[in-house]
């Protein structure tokens, strides 16, 4: 009987720890990153979200030639466990389902994989709405896949064409003195 009681207690504790564990803790965010993407001291990881969507480019004239110009991201944000959390769009803006949003401005970029869009460090430029995005100070975009502009198909005959290139990224959100998984 005593063995069964300990088994039940152990199973209950295991279940409770799985339920209580934040689903957006951002384990990728804790990895070692290039120094230029380091968030300044005093800013702690608050939460992380995954983005799945597209990077939008349009074919534009450039002096005597044509090239793809970045227009905006368009992505669904979710927790690492797949629960919908909001959307990412031009600005760049991250807007959560709680109505809060933050707009970032690029500080630094690094390209660890030439087949994917760069990893970024962004500083929060503005906020709106009450919720999790309030007081976000920095955002890192890491673990990118895809999203680069097309390498061809932009010429006089295709001027104005739009390309929607699939991409994936992890976004790490920081706050002054925040604690992980708030």
C-alpha atoms as a PDB file:
ATOM      1  CA  UNK A   1       0.000   0.000   0.000  1.00  0.00           C
ATOM      2  CA  UNK A   2       2.796   2.396   0.907  1.00  0.00           C
ATOM      3  CA  UNK A   3       4.490   1.739  -2.479  1.00  0.00           C
ATOM      4  CA  UNK A   4       1.239   2.483  -4.295  1.00  0.00           C
ATOM      5  CA  UNK A   5       0.806   5.763  -2.375  1.00  0.00           C
ATOM      6  CA  UNK A   6       4.296   6.898  -3.313  1.00  0.00           C
ATOM      7  CA  UNK A   7       3.630   5.979  -6.949  1.00  0.00           C
ATOM      8  CA  UNK A   8       0.425   8.005  -6.950  1.00  0.00           C
ATOM      9  CA  UNK A   9       2.196  10.974  -5.335  1.00  0.00           C
ATOM     10  CA  UNK A  10       5.074  10.772  -7.837  1.00  0.00           C
ATOM     11  CA  UNK A  11       2.680  10.553 -10.789  1.00  0.00           C
ATOM     12  CA  UNK A  12       0.647  13.487  -9.457  1.00  0.00           C
ATOM     13  CA  UNK A  13       3.774  15.628  -8.998  1.00  0.00           C
ATOM     14  CA  UNK A  14       4.930  14.778 -12.515  1.00  0.00           C
ATOM     15  CA  UNK A  15       1.530  15.737 -13.933  1.00  0.00           C
ATOM     16  CA  UNK A  16       1.399  18.981 -11.928  1.00  0.00           C
ATOM     17  CA  UNK A  17       4.900  19.993 -13.025  1.00  0.00           C
ATOM     18  CA  UNK A  18       3.950  19.428 -16.676  1.00  0.00           C
ATOM     19  CA  UNK A  19       0.766  21.484 -16.283  1.00  0.00           C
ATOM     20  CA  UNK A  20       2.462  24.279 -14.317  1.00  0.00           C
ATOM     21  CA  UNK A  21       5.407  24.595 -16.711  1.00  0.00           C
ATOM     22  CA  UNK A  22       5.016  27.723 -18.828  1.00  0.00           C
ATOM     23  CA  UNK A  23       4.330  26.780 -22.422  1.00  0.00           C
ATOM     24  CA  UNK A  24       6.092  29.825 -23.774  1.00  0.00           C
ATOM     25  CA  UNK A  25       9.272  29.801 -21.726  1.00  0.00           C
ATOM     26  CA  UNK A  26      11.465  29.936 -24.813  1.00  0.00           C
ATOM     27  CA  UNK A  27      14.168  27.326 -24.350  1.00  0.00           C
ATOM     28  CA  UNK A  28      15.658  28.377 -27.740  1.00  0.00           C
ATOM     29  CA  UNK A  29      16.068  31.870 -26.311  1.00  0.00           C
ATOM     30  CA  UNK A  30      18.489  30.650 -23.658  1.00  0.00           C
ATOM     31  CA  UNK A  31      20.967  29.303 -26.177  1.00  0.00           C
ATOM     32  CA  UNK A  32      24.246  31.034 -26.872  1.00  0.00           C
ATOM     33  CA  UNK A  33      23.719  33.667 -29.565  1.00  0.00           C
ATOM     34  CA  UNK A  34      26.151  35.819 -31.531  1.00  0.00           C
ATOM     35  CA  UNK A  35      27.371  38.646 -29.234  1.00  0.00           C
ATOM     36  CA  UNK A  36      25.849  41.340 -31.463  1.00  0.00           C
ATOM     37  CA  UNK A  37      22.382  39.939 -30.685  1.00  0.00           C
ATOM     38  CA  UNK A  38      22.875  40.089 -26.911  1.00  0.00           C
ATOM     39  CA  UNK A  39      20.177  41.927 -25.006  1.00  0.00           C
ATOM     40  CA  UNK A  40      21.638  44.603 -22.691  1.00  0.00           C
ATOM     41  CA  UNK A  41      22.055  43.635 -19.008  1.00  0.00           C
ATOM     42  CA  UNK A  42      18.991  44.266 -16.849  1.00  0.00           C
ATOM     43  CA  UNK A  43      16.593  42.879 -19.462  1.00  0.00           C
ATOM     44  CA  UNK A  44      15.323  39.374 -18.780  1.00  0.00           C
ATOM     45  CA  UNK A  45      13.480  36.900 -20.962  1.00  0.00           C
ATOM     46  CA  UNK A  46       9.736  37.310 -20.372  1.00  0.00           C
ATOM     47  CA  UNK A  47       8.355  34.833 -22.945  1.00  0.00           C
ATOM     48  CA  UNK A  48       8.897  33.411 -26.428  1.00  0.00           C
ATOM     49  CA  UNK A  49       6.599  32.768 -29.365  1.00  0.00           C
ATOM     50  CA  UNK A  50       6.993  30.955 -32.649  1.00  0.00           C
ATOM     51  CA  UNK A  51       6.028  32.537 -35.951  1.00  0.00           C
ATOM     52  CA  UNK A  52       4.810  30.646 -38.989  1.00  0.00           C
ATOM     53  CA  UNK A  53       3.930  32.670 -42.047  1.00  0.00           C
ATOM     54  CA  UNK A  54       5.384  34.557 -44.992  1.00  0.00           C
ATOM     55  CA  UNK A  55       7.789  37.361 -45.772  1.00  0.00           C
ATOM     56  CA  UNK A  56       6.229  39.527 -48.487  1.00  0.00           C
ATOM     57  CA  UNK A  57       8.338  41.039 -51.267  1.00  0.00           C
ATOM     58  CA  UNK A  58       7.400  43.088 -54.326  1.00  0.00           C
ATOM     59  CA  UNK A  59       9.251  43.449 -57.615  1.00  0.00           C
ATOM     60  CA  UNK A  60      10.403  47.066 -57.999  1.00  0.00           C
ATOM     61  CA  UNK A  61      12.554  49.076 -60.378  1.00  0.00           C
ATOM     62  CA  UNK A  62      16.038  49.830 -58.999  1.00  0.00           C
ATOM     63  CA  UNK A  63      17.891  52.384 -61.077  1.00  0.00           C
ATOM     64  CA  UNK A  64      18.440  50.566 -64.393  1.00  0.00           C
ATOM     65  CA  UNK A  65      17.393  47.121 -63.103  1.00  0.00           C
ATOM     66  CA  UNK A  66      14.722  45.376 -61.020  1.00  0.00           C
ATOM     67  CA  UNK A  67      14.841  43.644 -57.676  1.00  0.00           C
ATOM     68  CA  UNK A  68      12.713  42.199 -54.896  1.00  0.00           C
ATOM     69  CA  UNK A  69      12.043  44.649 -52.047  1.00  0.00           C
ATOM     70  CA  UNK A  70      10.851  43.552 -48.633  1.00  0.00           C
ATOM     71  CA  UNK A  71       7.336  44.783 -47.810  1.00  0.00           C
ATOM     72  CA  UNK A  72       6.199  43.117 -44.574  1.00  0.00           C
ATOM     73  CA  UNK A  73       5.959  39.926 -42.569  1.00  0.00           C
ATOM     74  CA  UNK A  74       2.624  38.169 -42.155  1.00  0.00           C
ATOM     75  CA  UNK A  75       2.655  35.394 -39.577  1.00  0.00           C
ATOM     76  CA  UNK A  76       0.666  33.575 -36.956  1.00  0.00           C
ATOM     77  CA  UNK A  77       2.226  33.630 -33.485  1.00  0.00           C
ATOM     78  CA  UNK A  78       1.921  30.615 -31.226  1.00  0.00           C
ATOM     79  CA  UNK A  79       3.375  29.217 -28.046  1.00  0.00           C
ATOM     80  CA  UNK A  80       6.031  26.511 -28.448  1.00  0.00           C
ATOM     81  CA  UNK A  81       3.218  24.026 -27.748  1.00  0.00           C
ATOM     82  CA  UNK A  82       1.192  25.342 -30.689  1.00  0.00           C
ATOM     83  CA  UNK A  83      -1.472  27.408 -28.917  1.00  0.00           C
ATOM     84  CA  UNK A  84      -2.452  30.486 -30.971  1.00  0.00           C
ATOM     85  CA  UNK A  85      -1.142  33.692 -29.382  1.00  0.00           C
ATOM     86  CA  UNK A  86      -1.506  36.472 -31.958  1.00  0.00           C
ATOM     87  CA  UNK A  87      -0.036  37.780 -35.189  1.00  0.00           C
ATOM     88  CA  UNK A  88       3.060  39.467 -36.590  1.00  0.00           C
ATOM     89  CA  UNK A  89       2.823  42.082 -39.337  1.00  0.00           C
ATOM     90  CA  UNK A  90       4.304  45.312 -40.766  1.00  0.00           C
ATOM     91  CA  UNK A  91       6.015  47.659 -38.403  1.00  0.00           C
ATOM     92  CA  UNK A  92       7.420  45.187 -37.432  1.00  0.00           C
ATOM     93  CA  UNK A  93       4.525  44.656 -35.038  1.00  0.00           C
ATOM     94  CA  UNK A  94       3.700  41.752 -32.733  1.00  0.00           C
ATOM     95  CA  UNK A  95       0.072  41.780 -31.580  1.00  0.00           C
ATOM     96  CA  UNK A  96      -1.278  39.293 -29.057  1.00  0.00           C
ATOM     97  CA  UNK A  97      -4.800  37.995 -28.607  1.00  0.00           C
ATOM     98  CA  UNK A  98      -4.986  39.978 -25.329  1.00  0.00           C
ATOM     99  CA  UNK A  99      -4.953  43.181 -27.458  1.00  0.00           C
ATOM    100  CA  UNK A 100      -1.447  44.299 -26.517  1.00  0.00           C
ATOM    101  CA  UNK A 101       1.162  44.997 -29.154  1.00  0.00           C
ATOM    102  CA  UNK A 102       4.728  46.206 -29.533  1.00  0.00           C
ATOM    103  CA  UNK A 103       6.479  47.733 -32.535  1.00  0.00           C
ATOM    104  CA  UNK A 104      10.197  47.144 -32.887  1.00  0.00           C
ATOM    105  CA  UNK A 105      13.123  48.842 -34.588  1.00  0.00           C
ATOM    106  CA  UNK A 106      16.151  46.916 -35.803  1.00  0.00           C
ATOM    107  CA  UNK A 107      19.342  47.227 -33.778  1.00  0.00           C
ATOM    108  CA  UNK A 108      21.440  44.436 -35.304  1.00  0.00           C
ATOM    109  CA  UNK A 109      21.253  41.546 -37.784  1.00  0.00           C
ATOM    110  CA  UNK A 110      23.277  38.344 -38.162  1.00  0.00           C
ATOM    111  CA  UNK A 111      22.969  35.723 -40.911  1.00  0.00           C
ATOM    112  CA  UNK A 112      23.974  32.318 -39.518  1.00  0.00           C
ATOM    113  CA  UNK A 113      22.214  30.535 -42.417  1.00  0.00           C
ATOM    114  CA  UNK A 114      22.330  32.194 -45.865  1.00  0.00           C
ATOM    115  CA  UNK A 115      19.284  30.116 -46.888  1.00  0.00           C
ATOM    116  CA  UNK A 116      17.145  31.925 -44.268  1.00  0.00           C
ATOM    117  CA  UNK A 117      16.323  35.476 -43.263  1.00  0.00           C
ATOM    118  CA  UNK A 118      18.703  36.988 -40.700  1.00  0.00           C
ATOM    119  CA  UNK A 119      18.443  36.694 -36.944  1.00  0.00           C
ATOM    120  CA  UNK A 120      17.683  40.094 -35.422  1.00  0.00           C
ATOM    121  CA  UNK A 121      17.913  42.142 -32.264  1.00  0.00           C
ATOM    122  CA  UNK A 122      15.155  44.768 -32.129  1.00  0.00           C
ATOM    123  CA  UNK A 123      14.447  47.498 -29.592  1.00  0.00           C
ATOM    124  CA  UNK A 124      10.850  48.227 -28.616  1.00  0.00           C
ATOM    125  CA  UNK A 125       9.852  51.538 -30.208  1.00  0.00           C
ATOM    126  CA  UNK A 126       6.195  51.758 -29.111  1.00  0.00           C
ATOM    127  CA  UNK A 127       3.400  49.900 -27.334  1.00  0.00           C
ATOM    128  CA  UNK A 128      -0.377  49.783 -27.432  1.00  0.00           C
ATOM    129  CA  UNK A 129      -2.998  48.007 -25.346  1.00  0.00           C
ATOM    130  CA  UNK A 130      -2.766  46.410 -21.935  1.00  0.00           C
ATOM    131  CA  UNK A 131      -1.344  42.889 -21.754  1.00  0.00           C
ATOM    132  CA  UNK A 132       1.799  40.802 -22.137  1.00  0.00           C
ATOM    133  CA  UNK A 133       3.466  43.118 -24.651  1.00  0.00           C
ATOM    134  CA  UNK A 134       3.409  46.016 -22.189  1.00  0.00           C
ATOM    135  CA  UNK A 135       6.897  47.042 -21.196  1.00  0.00           C
ATOM    136  CA  UNK A 136       8.682  44.708 -23.639  1.00  0.00           C
ATOM    137  CA  UNK A 137      12.126  46.262 -24.091  1.00  0.00           C
ATOM    138  CA  UNK A 138      13.782  44.035 -26.699  1.00  0.00           C
ATOM    139  CA  UNK A 139      12.872  41.302 -29.179  1.00  0.00           C
ATOM    140  CA  UNK A 140      15.204  38.727 -30.703  1.00  0.00           C
ATOM    141  CA  UNK A 141      14.330  36.847 -33.901  1.00  0.00           C
ATOM    142  CA  UNK A 142      16.229  33.555 -33.968  1.00  0.00           C
ATOM    143  CA  UNK A 143      15.993  30.029 -35.386  1.00  0.00           C
ATOM    144  CA  UNK A 144      14.840  31.321 -38.777  1.00  0.00           C
ATOM    145  CA  UNK A 145      13.986  29.047 -41.690  1.00  0.00           C
ATOM    146  CA  UNK A 146      13.177  30.335 -45.177  1.00  0.00           C
ATOM    147  CA  UNK A 147      11.838  33.808 -45.880  1.00  0.00           C
ATOM    148  CA  UNK A 148      14.557  35.084 -48.228  1.00  0.00           C
ATOM    149  CA  UNK A 149      13.574  37.133 -51.266  1.00  0.00           C
ATOM    150  CA  UNK A 150      13.324  35.114 -54.483  1.00  0.00           C
ATOM    151  CA  UNK A 151      16.593  34.971 -56.423  1.00  0.00           C
ATOM    152  CA  UNK A 152      14.932  35.543 -59.799  1.00  0.00           C
ATOM    153  CA  UNK A 153      11.632  36.397 -61.489  1.00  0.00           C
ATOM    154  CA  UNK A 154      11.831  40.160 -61.021  1.00  0.00           C
ATOM    155  CA  UNK A 155      12.176  42.063 -64.286  1.00  0.00           C
ATOM    156  CA  UNK A 156      10.306  44.615 -66.398  1.00  0.00           C
ATOM    157  CA  UNK A 157       7.658  42.005 -67.302  1.00  0.00           C
ATOM    158  CA  UNK A 158       7.051  41.270 -63.590  1.00  0.00           C
ATOM    159  CA  UNK A 159       7.240  44.804 -62.161  1.00  0.00           C
ATOM    160  CA  UNK A 160       4.747  45.064 -59.303  1.00  0.00           C
ATOM    161  CA  UNK A 161       4.578  41.283 -58.799  1.00  0.00           C
ATOM    162  CA  UNK A 162       4.329  40.101 -55.186  1.00  0.00           C
ATOM    163  CA  UNK A 163       6.121  37.089 -53.725  1.00  0.00           C
ATOM    164  CA  UNK A 164       4.957  35.529 -50.439  1.00  0.00           C
ATOM    165  CA  UNK A 165       7.863  33.424 -49.172  1.00  0.00           C
ATOM    166  CA  UNK A 166       7.185  30.971 -46.300  1.00  0.00           C
ATOM    167  CA  UNK A 167       9.252  31.394 -43.135  1.00  0.00           C
ATOM    168  CA  UNK A 168       9.500  30.246 -39.539  1.00  0.00           C
ATOM    169  CA  UNK A 169      11.150  32.007 -36.592  1.00  0.00           C
ATOM    170  CA  UNK A 170      11.290  32.090 -32.808  1.00  0.00           C
ATOM    171  CA  UNK A 171      10.747  35.500 -31.196  1.00  0.00           C
ATOM    172  CA  UNK A 172      12.149  36.082 -27.711  1.00  0.00           C
ATOM    173  CA  UNK A 173      10.560  38.967 -25.775  1.00  0.00           C
ATOM    174  CA  UNK A 174      12.448  40.734 -22.960  1.00  0.00           C
ATOM    175  CA  UNK A 175      11.481  43.155 -20.193  1.00  0.00           C
ATOM    176  CA  UNK A 176      13.421  45.095 -17.563  1.00  0.00           C
ATOM    177  CA  UNK A 177      13.935  42.672 -14.678  1.00  0.00           C
ATOM    178  CA  UNK A 178      11.264  40.236 -15.987  1.00  0.00           C
ATOM    179  CA  UNK A 179      11.197  36.631 -14.892  1.00  0.00           C
ATOM    180  CA  UNK A 180      10.867  33.807 -17.385  1.00  0.00           C
ATOM    181  CA  UNK A 181       7.346  32.552 -18.017  1.00  0.00           C
ATOM    182  CA  UNK A 182       5.600  35.327 -16.061  1.00  0.00           C
END
